[in-house]
Amino acid sequence: MRVFLILMLVSVCMLAGGSAPPTTVTLTKKIADELGFKIEIESDGPYLMVTMRFPQRIGELWKSYSAGFALLDSNGEEITINAMHYSPESTEPVVVAAFDPIYGTGSIWVAYTCDSEEDSDCYGKHPVAYHLNSVSEYASSL
């Protein structure tokens, strides 16, 4: 699972014009709240539905450019993945996914890149990917 995520984040980074994989930050409830992520998890019959709204920007310098969802089996191996690159000017950036927990869990991420000139604090730094490792575990911690 980790190998695939690293490969996915490397490809996302290269599409954003970088050369190294993003720094990965695991989203906890505290980090999500502090940064403005809104994570809702609901049961719909046998399915879990997760909605993650995320800020277009973190601070003034970091803009979102990619988000995705992966369905993982009980061993943490990817069953399916959906990644998207989008215009950060969308009115309400959101990732919505539903899955049956009998097959495993879901994983969601959003990647941010520096959107500034050379003299900024973030210029030249690796992109940052905020990652919810397991929707099921996150839901049980609420």
Protein backbone atom coordinates (compact mmCIF):
# COMPACT_ATOMS: atom_id res chain seq x y z
CA MET A 1 0.00 0.00 0.00
CA ARG A 2 2.72 2.48 0.95
CA VAL A 3 4.68 1.71 -2.22
CA PHE A 4 1.66 2.43 -4.37
CA LEU A 5 0.91 5.67 -2.52
CA ILE A 6 4.49 6.82 -2.96
CA LEU A 7 4.32 6.03 -6.68
CA MET A 8 0.98 7.81 -6.99
CA LEU A 9 2.27 10.87 -5.18
CA VAL A 10 5.44 10.91 -7.30
CA SER A 11 3.33 10.98 -10.46
CA VAL A 12 1.13 13.71 -9.00
CA CYS A 13 4.22 15.69 -8.09
CA MET A 14 5.70 15.34 -11.56
CA LEU A 15 2.46 16.55 -13.11
CA ALA A 16 2.72 19.59 -10.86
CA GLY A 17 6.20 20.33 -12.19
CA GLY A 18 8.18 18.97 -9.26
CA SER A 19 10.78 16.27 -9.14
CA ALA A 20 10.37 14.70 -5.72
CA PRO A 21 7.43 13.05 -3.97
CA PRO A 22 5.33 15.17 -1.64
CA THR A 23 5.81 15.17 2.08
CA THR A 24 2.94 13.10 3.51
CA VAL A 25 0.99 14.32 6.54
CA THR A 26 -1.54 11.98 8.14
CA LEU A 27 -4.83 13.73 8.77
CA THR A 28 -6.02 13.43 12.33
CA LYS A 29 -9.18 15.14 13.54
CA LYS A 30 -7.04 17.84 15.17
CA ILE A 31 -4.98 18.56 12.02
CA ALA A 32 -8.11 18.44 9.83
CA ASP A 33 -9.89 20.95 12.06
CA GLU A 34 -6.88 23.27 12.28
CA LEU A 35 -6.42 23.38 8.48
CA GLY A 36 -10.09 23.60 7.51
CA PHE A 37 -10.74 20.07 6.24
CA LYS A 38 -14.34 18.92 6.83
CA ILE A 39 -14.66 15.14 6.93
CA GLU A 40 -18.11 13.55 7.15
CA ILE A 41 -18.61 9.80 7.31
CA GLU A 42 -22.10 8.32 7.17
CA SER A 43 -23.55 4.83 6.95
CA ASP A 44 -25.90 4.14 4.06
CA GLY A 45 -27.06 0.58 4.49
CA PRO A 46 -23.97 -1.63 4.23
CA TYR A 47 -21.91 1.21 2.75
CA LEU A 48 -19.79 3.93 4.28
CA MET A 49 -20.00 7.26 2.50
CA VAL A 50 -17.19 9.73 3.06
CA THR A 51 -17.24 13.38 2.06
CA MET A 52 -14.09 15.41 2.50
CA ARG A 53 -14.26 19.12 1.82
CA PHE A 54 -10.87 20.74 1.78
CA PRO A 55 -9.47 24.25 1.54
CA GLN A 56 -8.37 25.49 -1.87
CA ARG A 57 -5.39 27.01 -0.12
CA ILE A 58 -3.55 26.46 3.12
CA GLY A 59 -2.27 29.84 4.14
CA GLU A 60 -1.55 32.14 1.24
CA LEU A 61 1.23 30.09 -0.34
CA TRP A 62 -0.01 26.48 -0.67
CA LYS A 63 -2.66 25.69 -3.31
CA SER A 64 -4.40 22.36 -3.77
CA TYR A 65 -3.88 20.66 -7.11
CA SER A 66 -4.76 16.98 -6.75
CA ALA A 67 -7.05 14.76 -4.71
CA GLY A 68 -8.02 11.13 -4.74
CA PHE A 69 -9.60 8.07 -3.17
CA ALA A 70 -8.35 4.49 -2.98
CA LEU A 71 -10.24 1.39 -1.90
CA LEU A 72 -7.94 -0.87 0.10
CA ASP A 73 -8.44 -4.52 0.98
CA SER A 74 -7.96 -5.91 4.49
CA ASN A 75 -4.20 -6.22 3.83
CA GLY A 76 -3.88 -2.57 2.79
CA GLU A 77 -3.49 -3.44 -0.91
CA GLU A 78 -5.23 -1.23 -3.46
CA ILE A 79 -8.34 -2.61 -5.09
CA THR A 80 -9.13 0.55 -7.02
CA ILE A 81 -7.98 4.15 -7.10
CA ASN A 82 -9.36 7.41 -8.43
CA ALA A 83 -7.09 10.46 -8.60
CA MET A 84 -8.03 13.79 -10.06
CA HIS A 85 -6.24 16.95 -10.99
CA TYR A 86 -8.41 20.01 -11.04
CA SER A 87 -8.52 23.76 -11.12
CA PRO A 88 -8.10 25.02 -7.55
CA GLU A 89 -10.56 27.78 -8.36
CA SER A 90 -13.50 25.35 -8.14
CA THR A 91 -16.15 26.74 -5.84
CA GLU A 92 -16.11 23.94 -3.29
CA PRO A 93 -13.34 21.37 -3.61
CA VAL A 94 -14.59 18.03 -2.34
CA VAL A 95 -13.90 14.29 -2.58
CA VAL A 96 -16.94 12.01 -2.21
CA ALA A 97 -16.71 8.22 -2.15
CA ALA A 98 -18.75 5.25 -0.96
CA PHE A 99 -17.56 1.72 -0.29
CA ASP A 100 -18.62 -1.48 1.43
CA PRO A 101 -16.39 -2.04 4.50
CA ILE A 102 -16.69 -5.81 4.01
CA TYR A 103 -14.10 -5.40 1.22
CA GLY A 104 -11.71 -3.19 3.19
CA THR A 105 -11.42 0.53 3.81
CA GLY A 106 -11.00 3.75 1.94
CA SER A 107 -8.09 6.17 1.84
CA ILE A 108 -8.28 9.83 0.74
CA TRP A 109 -5.60 12.43 0.03
CA VAL A 110 -5.25 16.02 -1.12
CA ALA A 111 -1.95 17.41 -2.40
CA TYR A 112 -0.80 21.03 -2.18
CA THR A 113 2.02 22.82 -3.96
CA CYS A 114 3.75 26.16 -3.40
CA ASP A 115 2.15 28.93 -5.42
CA SER A 116 4.66 31.69 -4.99
CA GLU A 117 7.73 33.44 -6.29
CA GLU A 118 11.32 32.62 -5.42
CA ASP A 119 11.46 34.85 -2.36
CA SER A 120 8.67 33.07 -0.46
CA ASP A 121 9.01 30.68 2.48
CA CYS A 122 7.70 27.71 0.50
CA TYR A 123 9.54 28.21 -2.81
CA GLY A 124 11.52 25.10 -3.72
CA LYS A 125 9.93 22.93 -1.02
CA HIS A 126 8.34 19.59 -1.84
CA PRO A 127 4.56 19.49 -2.26
CA VAL A 128 2.58 18.33 0.77
CA ALA A 129 -0.06 15.57 0.63
CA TYR A 130 -2.60 15.41 3.46
CA HIS A 131 -3.72 11.81 3.77
CA LEU A 132 -6.57 10.07 5.59
CA ASN A 133 -5.09 6.57 5.78
CA SER A 134 -8.25 4.68 6.73
CA VAL A 135 -11.79 6.03 6.55
CA SER A 136 -13.00 3.15 8.74
CA GLU A 137 -10.41 3.84 11.48
CA TYR A 138 -11.09 7.58 11.33
CA ALA A 139 -14.84 6.94 11.66
CA SER A 140 -14.33 4.70 14.69
CA SER A 141 -12.21 7.40 16.39
CA LEU A 142 -15.03 9.97 16.28
